[in-house]
Amino acid sequence: MTRRSWSAVIAMAFIAGVLTGRAATEAQAPEPSARPDERVTGIGGVFFKAKNPALLAQWYRDNLGVDVRGTRSIFEWRERDEPTANGLTVWAIFPDSTKYFSPGTASFMVNYRVRNLDRMVTQLRGRGVAVDERITQEEAGRFTWLVDPEGNRIELWEPRR
């Protein structure tokens, strides 16, 4: 092949990688292991830190139309598997001094919904994942926490039924 032909091949491989969401030089991800018995069923919340939560909340209200009350917003939706059941996702801004994301090192935290928190915790611990000893019971349901290998704190939530 000519030098120009190789350039075209490389360019096409790069474009194909972009279109498929994979860089041409990126190694293939390993095949997923068997699907766990318990799994995340959705995102219950997205929480992030801000230097000035009130000002940032106002920006989201004014520019993106997020219905922020204080520094929180609730997005309501219907459960796919139970269309008569309501679901919700909480969006919240925390002050950058919050310790709620600790021991995670990221400026955000994702809350994942699960069907059965006890079984999920047992499953995770069985795989060697360090899950917080606390499981809290609140009006909205039951919660616990863990940190992923990249230092991101995760909140698991079993909504009250």
N, C-alpha and C. Protein backbone atom coordinates (compact mmCIF):
# COMPACT_ATOMS: atom_id res chain seq x y z
N MET A 1 0.84 -1.18 0.00
CA MET A 1 0.00 0.00 0.00
C MET A 1 0.88 1.24 0.00
N THR A 2 0.35 2.27 -0.57
CA THR A 2 1.08 3.53 -0.58
C THR A 2 0.94 4.19 0.78
N ARG A 3 1.77 5.18 0.99
CA ARG A 3 1.73 5.90 2.26
C ARG A 3 0.34 6.53 2.45
N ARG A 4 -0.21 7.05 1.39
CA ARG A 4 -1.53 7.68 1.46
C ARG A 4 -2.61 6.64 1.80
N SER A 5 -2.51 5.44 1.27
CA SER A 5 -3.48 4.39 1.54
C SER A 5 -3.46 4.01 3.01
N TRP A 6 -2.27 3.88 3.60
CA TRP A 6 -2.17 3.56 5.02
C TRP A 6 -2.79 4.66 5.85
N SER A 7 -2.57 5.90 5.49
CA SER A 7 -3.18 7.01 6.22
C SER A 7 -4.70 6.91 6.18
N ALA A 8 -5.23 6.56 5.01
CA ALA A 8 -6.68 6.43 4.88
C ALA A 8 -7.20 5.29 5.76
N VAL A 9 -6.46 4.17 5.79
CA VAL A 9 -6.87 3.02 6.61
C VAL A 9 -6.87 3.41 8.09
N ILE A 10 -5.83 4.09 8.52
CA ILE A 10 -5.73 4.51 9.92
C ILE A 10 -6.86 5.49 10.25
N ALA A 11 -7.10 6.44 9.34
CA ALA A 11 -8.17 7.42 9.57
C ALA A 11 -9.51 6.72 9.67
N MET A 12 -9.77 5.76 8.80
CA MET A 12 -11.05 5.04 8.83
C MET A 12 -11.20 4.21 10.11
N ALA A 13 -10.10 3.62 10.56
CA ALA A 13 -10.14 2.84 11.80
C ALA A 13 -10.46 3.76 12.97
N PHE A 14 -9.86 4.96 12.97
CA PHE A 14 -10.13 5.93 14.03
C PHE A 14 -11.60 6.35 14.00
N ILE A 15 -12.11 6.68 12.83
CA ILE A 15 -13.50 7.10 12.69
C ILE A 15 -14.43 5.98 13.12
N ALA A 16 -14.14 4.76 12.73
CA ALA A 16 -14.97 3.61 13.13
C ALA A 16 -14.96 3.47 14.65
N GLY A 17 -13.80 3.68 15.25
CA GLY A 17 -13.71 3.60 16.70
C GLY A 17 -14.54 4.67 17.37
N VAL A 18 -14.51 5.88 16.85
CA VAL A 18 -15.30 6.96 17.42
C VAL A 18 -16.78 6.65 17.27
N LEU A 19 -17.19 6.18 16.08
CA LEU A 19 -18.60 5.90 15.84
C LEU A 19 -19.11 4.75 16.69
N THR A 20 -18.26 3.80 17.02
CA THR A 20 -18.70 2.67 17.85
C THR A 20 -18.43 2.92 19.32
N GLY A 21 -17.86 4.09 19.64
CA GLY A 21 -17.59 4.39 21.04
C GLY A 21 -16.30 3.80 21.55
N ARG A 22 -15.45 3.32 20.66
CA ARG A 22 -14.20 2.70 21.06
C ARG A 22 -13.09 3.27 20.21
N ALA A 23 -12.03 3.70 20.85
CA ALA A 23 -10.88 4.16 20.09
C ALA A 23 -10.25 2.97 19.39
N ALA A 24 -9.71 3.20 18.20
CA ALA A 24 -9.15 2.10 17.41
C ALA A 24 -8.02 1.39 18.13
N THR A 25 -7.29 2.10 18.97
CA THR A 25 -6.16 1.48 19.67
C THR A 25 -6.54 0.96 21.04
N GLU A 26 -7.78 1.21 21.48
CA GLU A 26 -8.21 0.78 22.79
C GLU A 26 -8.35 -0.74 22.84
N ALA A 27 -7.86 -1.33 23.91
CA ALA A 27 -7.99 -2.78 24.07
C ALA A 27 -9.43 -3.12 24.35
N GLN A 28 -9.85 -4.27 23.88
CA GLN A 28 -11.21 -4.72 24.13
C GLN A 28 -11.40 -4.95 25.62
N ALA A 29 -12.56 -4.56 26.13
CA ALA A 29 -12.88 -4.80 27.53
C ALA A 29 -13.06 -6.30 27.71
N PRO A 30 -12.69 -6.81 28.88
CA PRO A 30 -12.89 -8.24 29.11
C PRO A 30 -14.38 -8.57 29.09
N GLU A 31 -14.68 -9.79 28.73
CA GLU A 31 -16.07 -10.25 28.74
C GLU A 31 -16.58 -10.14 30.17
N PRO A 32 -17.82 -9.65 30.33
CA PRO A 32 -18.34 -9.56 31.69
C PRO A 32 -18.52 -10.94 32.30
N SER A 33 -18.31 -11.00 33.61
CA SER A 33 -18.52 -12.27 34.30
C SER A 33 -20.02 -12.50 34.41
N ALA A 34 -20.38 -13.61 34.95
CA ALA A 34 -21.80 -13.93 35.09
C ALA A 34 -22.51 -12.79 35.80
N ARG A 35 -23.69 -12.46 35.34
CA ARG A 35 -24.45 -11.36 35.92
C ARG A 35 -24.77 -11.68 37.37
N PRO A 36 -24.55 -10.72 38.26
CA PRO A 36 -24.83 -10.98 39.68
C PRO A 36 -26.33 -11.17 39.91
N ASP A 37 -26.64 -11.88 41.00
CA ASP A 37 -28.05 -12.09 41.35
C ASP A 37 -28.74 -10.77 41.61
N GLU A 38 -28.13 -9.95 42.45
CA GLU A 38 -28.67 -8.62 42.74
C GLU A 38 -27.93 -7.63 41.85
N ARG A 39 -28.65 -6.61 41.40
CA ARG A 39 -28.03 -5.62 40.54
C ARG A 39 -28.68 -4.27 40.78
N VAL A 40 -28.03 -3.24 40.29
CA VAL A 40 -28.58 -1.89 40.35
C VAL A 40 -29.77 -1.84 39.41
N THR A 41 -30.85 -1.21 39.85
CA THR A 41 -32.04 -1.11 39.01
C THR A 41 -32.23 0.29 38.42
N GLY A 42 -31.42 1.24 38.85
CA GLY A 42 -31.54 2.60 38.32
C GLY A 42 -30.73 3.58 39.15
N ILE A 43 -30.80 4.82 38.76
CA ILE A 43 -30.09 5.87 39.50
C ILE A 43 -31.10 6.59 40.38
N GLY A 44 -30.83 6.56 41.66
CA GLY A 44 -31.71 7.21 42.62
C GLY A 44 -31.34 8.64 42.89
N GLY A 45 -30.08 8.99 42.62
CA GLY A 45 -29.67 10.36 42.88
C GLY A 45 -28.31 10.67 42.32
N VAL A 46 -28.11 11.94 42.05
CA VAL A 46 -26.82 12.46 41.62
C VAL A 46 -26.52 13.65 42.52
N PHE A 47 -25.42 13.57 43.24
CA PHE A 47 -25.05 14.59 44.21
C PHE A 47 -23.66 15.12 43.86
N PHE A 48 -23.48 16.42 43.94
CA PHE A 48 -22.16 16.98 43.65
C PHE A 48 -21.89 18.19 44.52
N LYS A 49 -20.60 18.51 44.66
CA LYS A 49 -20.15 19.61 45.50
C LYS A 49 -20.06 20.90 44.70
N ALA A 50 -20.24 22.00 45.39
CA ALA A 50 -20.11 23.31 44.77
C ALA A 50 -19.52 24.30 45.78
N LYS A 51 -18.77 25.25 45.28
CA LYS A 51 -18.21 26.30 46.14
C LYS A 51 -19.32 27.19 46.68
N ASN A 52 -20.34 27.47 45.86
CA ASN A 52 -21.46 28.29 46.28
C ASN A 52 -22.75 27.59 45.84
N PRO A 53 -23.26 26.66 46.67
CA PRO A 53 -24.43 25.88 46.27
C PRO A 53 -25.66 26.72 45.88
N ALA A 54 -25.94 27.77 46.62
CA ALA A 54 -27.13 28.58 46.32
C ALA A 54 -27.00 29.27 44.96
N LEU A 55 -25.83 29.82 44.69
CA LEU A 55 -25.62 30.49 43.41
C LEU A 55 -25.67 29.50 42.26
N LEU A 56 -25.10 28.32 42.44
CA LEU A 56 -25.13 27.29 41.40
C LEU A 56 -26.56 26.79 41.19
N ALA A 57 -27.31 26.63 42.27
CA ALA A 57 -28.71 26.22 42.14
C ALA A 57 -29.49 27.25 41.32
N GLN A 58 -29.24 28.52 41.56
CA GLN A 58 -29.90 29.58 40.80
C GLN A 58 -29.53 29.49 39.32
N TRP A 59 -28.26 29.20 39.03
CA TRP A 59 -27.80 29.06 37.64
C TRP A 59 -28.57 27.93 36.95
N TYR A 60 -28.69 26.78 37.62
CA TYR A 60 -29.43 25.64 37.03
C TYR A 60 -30.90 26.00 36.83
N ARG A 61 -31.49 26.72 37.78
CA ARG A 61 -32.89 27.15 37.63
C ARG A 61 -33.03 28.07 36.43
N ASP A 62 -32.18 29.09 36.36
CA ASP A 62 -32.29 30.12 35.32
C ASP A 62 -31.92 29.63 33.93
N ASN A 63 -30.90 28.79 33.83
CA ASN A 63 -30.37 28.42 32.52
C ASN A 63 -30.85 27.07 31.99
N LEU A 64 -31.13 26.12 32.86
CA LEU A 64 -31.56 24.80 32.41
C LEU A 64 -32.99 24.47 32.84
N GLY A 65 -33.59 25.36 33.59
CA GLY A 65 -34.97 25.15 33.99
C GLY A 65 -35.17 24.05 35.02
N VAL A 66 -34.11 23.68 35.73
CA VAL A 66 -34.23 22.64 36.77
C VAL A 66 -35.05 23.24 37.92
N ASP A 67 -36.07 22.53 38.35
CA ASP A 67 -36.94 23.00 39.42
C ASP A 67 -36.25 22.77 40.76
N VAL A 68 -35.28 23.62 41.05
CA VAL A 68 -34.48 23.47 42.26
C VAL A 68 -35.19 24.15 43.43
N ARG A 69 -35.37 23.42 44.50
CA ARG A 69 -35.93 23.96 45.74
C ARG A 69 -34.79 23.93 46.75
N GLY A 70 -34.29 25.09 47.12
CA GLY A 70 -33.10 25.15 47.95
C GLY A 70 -31.93 24.73 47.07
N THR A 71 -31.37 23.57 47.34
CA THR A 71 -30.28 23.04 46.51
C THR A 71 -30.58 21.63 46.02
N ARG A 72 -31.87 21.28 45.99
CA ARG A 72 -32.27 19.94 45.57
C ARG A 72 -33.42 20.00 44.56
N SER A 73 -33.49 18.97 43.74
CA SER A 73 -34.60 18.82 42.81
C SER A 73 -34.95 17.34 42.75
N ILE A 74 -36.22 17.06 42.52
CA ILE A 74 -36.70 15.69 42.41
C ILE A 74 -37.24 15.50 40.99
N PHE A 75 -36.72 14.50 40.30
CA PHE A 75 -37.23 14.13 38.98
C PHE A 75 -38.09 12.88 39.17
N GLU A 76 -39.36 12.98 38.84
CA GLU A 76 -40.28 11.85 39.02
C GLU A 76 -40.49 11.12 37.70
N TRP A 77 -40.71 9.81 37.79
CA TRP A 77 -40.91 8.97 36.61
C TRP A 77 -41.67 7.72 37.03
N ARG A 78 -42.00 6.88 36.09
CA ARG A 78 -42.70 5.62 36.34
C ARG A 78 -41.74 4.44 36.22
N GLU A 79 -41.93 3.45 37.06
CA GLU A 79 -41.13 2.23 37.00
C GLU A 79 -41.44 1.49 35.70
N ARG A 80 -40.42 1.01 35.01
CA ARG A 80 -40.63 0.26 33.77
C ARG A 80 -41.35 -1.06 34.02
N ASP A 81 -40.89 -1.80 35.03
CA ASP A 81 -41.46 -3.11 35.31
C ASP A 81 -42.79 -3.03 36.07
N GLU A 82 -43.05 -1.88 36.68
CA GLU A 82 -44.30 -1.66 37.42
C GLU A 82 -44.82 -0.27 37.05
N PRO A 83 -45.45 -0.11 35.89
CA PRO A 83 -45.85 1.21 35.41
C PRO A 83 -46.76 2.00 36.34
N THR A 84 -47.41 1.34 37.29
CA THR A 84 -48.25 2.09 38.22
C THR A 84 -47.44 2.64 39.40
N ALA A 85 -46.21 2.18 39.54
CA ALA A 85 -45.36 2.63 40.65
C ALA A 85 -44.56 3.87 40.25
N ASN A 86 -44.52 4.83 41.15
CA ASN A 86 -43.73 6.04 40.92
C ASN A 86 -42.29 5.80 41.32
N GLY A 87 -41.38 6.40 40.57
CA GLY A 87 -39.98 6.39 40.92
C GLY A 87 -39.50 7.83 40.97
N LEU A 88 -38.34 8.03 41.56
CA LEU A 88 -37.79 9.37 41.59
C LEU A 88 -36.27 9.33 41.58
N THR A 89 -35.69 10.40 41.09
CA THR A 89 -34.25 10.60 41.11
C THR A 89 -34.00 11.95 41.77
N VAL A 90 -33.16 11.96 42.78
CA VAL A 90 -32.84 13.19 43.50
C VAL A 90 -31.58 13.79 42.88
N TRP A 91 -31.60 15.08 42.67
CA TRP A 91 -30.46 15.84 42.15
C TRP A 91 -30.16 16.86 43.23
N ALA A 92 -28.93 16.89 43.73
CA ALA A 92 -28.64 17.78 44.86
C ALA A 92 -27.22 18.34 44.80
N ILE A 93 -27.13 19.60 45.21
CA ILE A 93 -25.84 20.29 45.32
C ILE A 93 -25.48 20.35 46.80
N PHE A 94 -24.25 19.96 47.12
CA PHE A 94 -23.75 20.01 48.49
C PHE A 94 -22.63 21.04 48.57
N PRO A 95 -22.42 21.63 49.74
CA PRO A 95 -21.27 22.54 49.89
C PRO A 95 -19.98 21.75 49.70
N ASP A 96 -18.95 22.39 49.15
CA ASP A 96 -17.70 21.67 48.90
C ASP A 96 -17.02 21.19 50.17
N SER A 97 -17.49 21.65 51.33
CA SER A 97 -16.91 21.22 52.61
C SER A 97 -17.59 19.97 53.17
N THR A 98 -18.60 19.44 52.47
CA THR A 98 -19.34 18.29 52.99
C THR A 98 -18.42 17.08 53.20
N LYS A 99 -18.72 16.35 54.24
CA LYS A 99 -18.02 15.09 54.50
C LYS A 99 -18.89 13.91 54.08
N TYR A 100 -20.07 14.20 53.53
CA TYR A 100 -21.02 13.14 53.16
C TYR A 100 -20.46 12.21 52.09
N PHE A 101 -19.54 12.69 51.26
CA PHE A 101 -18.96 11.86 50.20
C PHE A 101 -17.72 11.09 50.69
N SER A 102 -17.30 11.34 51.94
CA SER A 102 -16.11 10.69 52.49
C SER A 102 -16.43 9.25 52.85
N PRO A 103 -15.53 8.32 52.69
CA PRO A 103 -14.13 8.51 52.37
C PRO A 103 -13.84 8.60 50.87
N GLY A 104 -14.86 8.75 50.04
CA GLY A 104 -14.62 8.93 48.61
C GLY A 104 -13.82 10.18 48.36
N THR A 105 -13.13 10.22 47.24
CA THR A 105 -12.27 11.36 46.92
C THR A 105 -12.82 12.23 45.78
N ALA A 106 -13.96 11.85 45.21
CA ALA A 106 -14.52 12.59 44.09
C ALA A 106 -15.40 13.73 44.60
N SER A 107 -15.70 14.67 43.70
CA SER A 107 -16.56 15.81 44.05
C SER A 107 -18.03 15.50 43.77
N PHE A 108 -18.34 14.24 43.54
CA PHE A 108 -19.70 13.83 43.26
C PHE A 108 -19.96 12.47 43.89
N MET A 109 -21.23 12.10 43.97
CA MET A 109 -21.60 10.77 44.43
C MET A 109 -22.87 10.38 43.71
N VAL A 110 -22.94 9.13 43.30
CA VAL A 110 -24.14 8.61 42.65
C VAL A 110 -24.84 7.67 43.62
N ASN A 111 -26.15 7.80 43.69
CA ASN A 111 -26.99 6.93 44.50
C ASN A 111 -27.63 5.95 43.53
N TYR A 112 -27.42 4.67 43.77
CA TYR A 112 -28.00 3.63 42.91
C TYR A 112 -29.14 2.94 43.63
N ARG A 113 -30.23 2.72 42.91
CA ARG A 113 -31.39 2.01 43.44
C ARG A 113 -31.14 0.50 43.35
N VAL A 114 -31.54 -0.23 44.37
CA VAL A 114 -31.48 -1.69 44.37
C VAL A 114 -32.81 -2.23 44.91
N ARG A 115 -33.16 -3.45 44.52
CA ARG A 115 -34.42 -4.04 44.99
C ARG A 115 -34.30 -4.57 46.42
N ASN A 116 -33.17 -5.23 46.72
CA ASN A 116 -33.00 -5.86 48.03
C ASN A 116 -31.62 -5.51 48.55
N LEU A 117 -31.57 -4.55 49.45
CA LEU A 117 -30.28 -4.05 49.95
C LEU A 117 -29.51 -5.13 50.71
N ASP A 118 -30.19 -5.93 51.51
CA ASP A 118 -29.50 -6.97 52.28
C ASP A 118 -28.81 -7.98 51.35
N ARG A 119 -29.51 -8.43 50.33
CA ARG A 119 -28.90 -9.39 49.40
C ARG A 119 -27.75 -8.74 48.62
N MET A 120 -27.90 -7.47 48.24
CA MET A 120 -26.83 -6.78 47.53
C MET A 120 -25.59 -6.66 48.41
N VAL A 121 -25.78 -6.28 49.65
CA VAL A 121 -24.64 -6.14 50.58
C VAL A 121 -23.95 -7.49 50.77
N THR A 122 -24.72 -8.55 50.97
CA THR A 122 -24.15 -9.90 51.13
C THR A 122 -23.36 -10.29 49.89
N GLN A 123 -23.93 -10.04 48.73
CA GLN A 123 -23.26 -10.36 47.47
C GLN A 123 -21.95 -9.59 47.32
N LEU A 124 -21.98 -8.30 47.59
CA LEU A 124 -20.76 -7.48 47.47
C LEU A 124 -19.69 -7.94 48.44
N ARG A 125 -20.06 -8.15 49.68
CA ARG A 125 -19.08 -8.60 50.68
C ARG A 125 -18.51 -9.97 50.30
N GLY A 126 -19.33 -10.83 49.71
CA GLY A 126 -18.87 -12.14 49.25
C GLY A 126 -17.83 -12.01 48.14
N ARG A 127 -17.84 -10.91 47.43
CA ARG A 127 -16.86 -10.65 46.37
C ARG A 127 -15.68 -9.83 46.87
N GLY A 128 -15.63 -9.60 48.19
CA GLY A 128 -14.51 -8.88 48.77
C GLY A 128 -14.64 -7.37 48.74
N VAL A 129 -15.82 -6.85 48.44
CA VAL A 129 -16.04 -5.40 48.41
C VAL A 129 -16.33 -4.93 49.83
N ALA A 130 -15.62 -3.89 50.26
CA ALA A 130 -15.83 -3.32 51.60
C ALA A 130 -17.06 -2.42 51.56
N VAL A 131 -18.12 -2.87 52.22
CA VAL A 131 -19.36 -2.11 52.31
C VAL A 131 -19.47 -1.59 53.74
N ASP A 132 -19.92 -0.35 53.88
CA ASP A 132 -20.10 0.27 55.19
C ASP A 132 -20.89 -0.67 56.09
N GLU A 133 -20.54 -0.72 57.35
CA GLU A 133 -21.26 -1.57 58.31
C GLU A 133 -22.67 -1.03 58.57
N ARG A 134 -22.86 0.28 58.38
CA ARG A 134 -24.15 0.89 58.66
C ARG A 134 -25.13 0.68 57.51
N ILE A 135 -26.34 0.34 57.87
CA ILE A 135 -27.48 0.40 56.95
C ILE A 135 -28.48 1.28 57.68
N THR A 136 -28.78 2.44 57.09
CA THR A 136 -29.70 3.35 57.75
C THR A 136 -31.10 3.18 57.20
N GLN A 137 -32.05 3.36 58.09
CA GLN A 137 -33.47 3.30 57.74
C GLN A 137 -34.00 4.72 57.83
N GLU A 138 -34.52 5.23 56.72
CA GLU A 138 -35.08 6.57 56.68
C GLU A 138 -36.46 6.50 56.05
N GLU A 139 -37.16 7.62 56.04
CA GLU A 139 -38.52 7.65 55.48
C GLU A 139 -38.54 7.17 54.03
N ALA A 140 -37.50 7.51 53.26
CA ALA A 140 -37.45 7.16 51.83
C ALA A 140 -37.03 5.71 51.59
N GLY A 141 -36.47 5.05 52.61
CA GLY A 141 -36.02 3.67 52.43
C GLY A 141 -34.76 3.39 53.22
N ARG A 142 -34.00 2.40 52.75
CA ARG A 142 -32.78 1.95 53.44
C ARG A 142 -31.57 2.30 52.59
N PHE A 143 -30.45 2.67 53.26
CA PHE A 143 -29.25 3.12 52.59
C PHE A 143 -28.00 2.50 53.18
N THR A 144 -26.98 2.32 52.33
CA THR A 144 -25.63 2.01 52.79
C THR A 144 -24.66 2.55 51.74
N TRP A 145 -23.34 2.44 52.04
CA TRP A 145 -22.33 3.07 51.20
C TRP A 145 -21.13 2.17 50.98
N LEU A 146 -20.44 2.43 49.88
CA LEU A 146 -19.17 1.78 49.58
C LEU A 146 -18.37 2.72 48.69
N VAL A 147 -17.11 2.38 48.44
CA VAL A 147 -16.25 3.18 47.58
C VAL A 147 -15.74 2.27 46.48
N ASP A 148 -15.83 2.73 45.22
CA ASP A 148 -15.35 1.92 44.10
C ASP A 148 -13.82 1.99 44.01
N PRO A 149 -13.20 1.17 43.16
CA PRO A 149 -11.73 1.14 43.09
C PRO A 149 -11.08 2.47 42.67
N GLU A 150 -11.85 3.40 42.09
CA GLU A 150 -11.31 4.71 41.70
C GLU A 150 -11.50 5.77 42.77
N GLY A 151 -12.05 5.40 43.92
CA GLY A 151 -12.24 6.36 45.02
C GLY A 151 -13.58 7.07 45.01
N ASN A 152 -14.53 6.63 44.19
CA ASN A 152 -15.84 7.26 44.14
C ASN A 152 -16.77 6.62 45.17
N ARG A 153 -17.30 7.44 46.05
CA ARG A 153 -18.24 6.92 47.03
C ARG A 153 -19.57 6.64 46.33
N ILE A 154 -20.17 5.52 46.67
CA ILE A 154 -21.43 5.07 46.09
C ILE A 154 -22.43 4.91 47.22
N GLU A 155 -23.64 5.37 46.99
CA GLU A 155 -24.72 5.16 47.94
C GLU A 155 -25.69 4.17 47.32
N LEU A 156 -26.03 3.13 48.07
CA LEU A 156 -27.03 2.16 47.61
C LEU A 156 -28.32 2.43 48.36
N TRP A 157 -29.43 2.41 47.63
CA TRP A 157 -30.73 2.75 48.19
C TRP A 157 -31.78 1.72 47.81
N GLU A 158 -32.41 1.16 48.81
CA GLU A 158 -33.59 0.32 48.61
C GLU A 158 -34.80 1.18 48.96
N PRO A 159 -35.51 1.66 47.93
CA PRO A 159 -36.66 2.53 48.20
C PRO A 159 -37.72 1.84 49.04
N ARG A 160 -38.38 2.61 49.86
CA ARG A 160 -39.49 2.09 50.66
C ARG A 160 -40.63 1.74 49.69
N ARG A 161 -41.21 0.60 49.87
CA ARG A 161 -42.30 0.15 48.97
C ARG A 161 -43.63 0.31 49.66
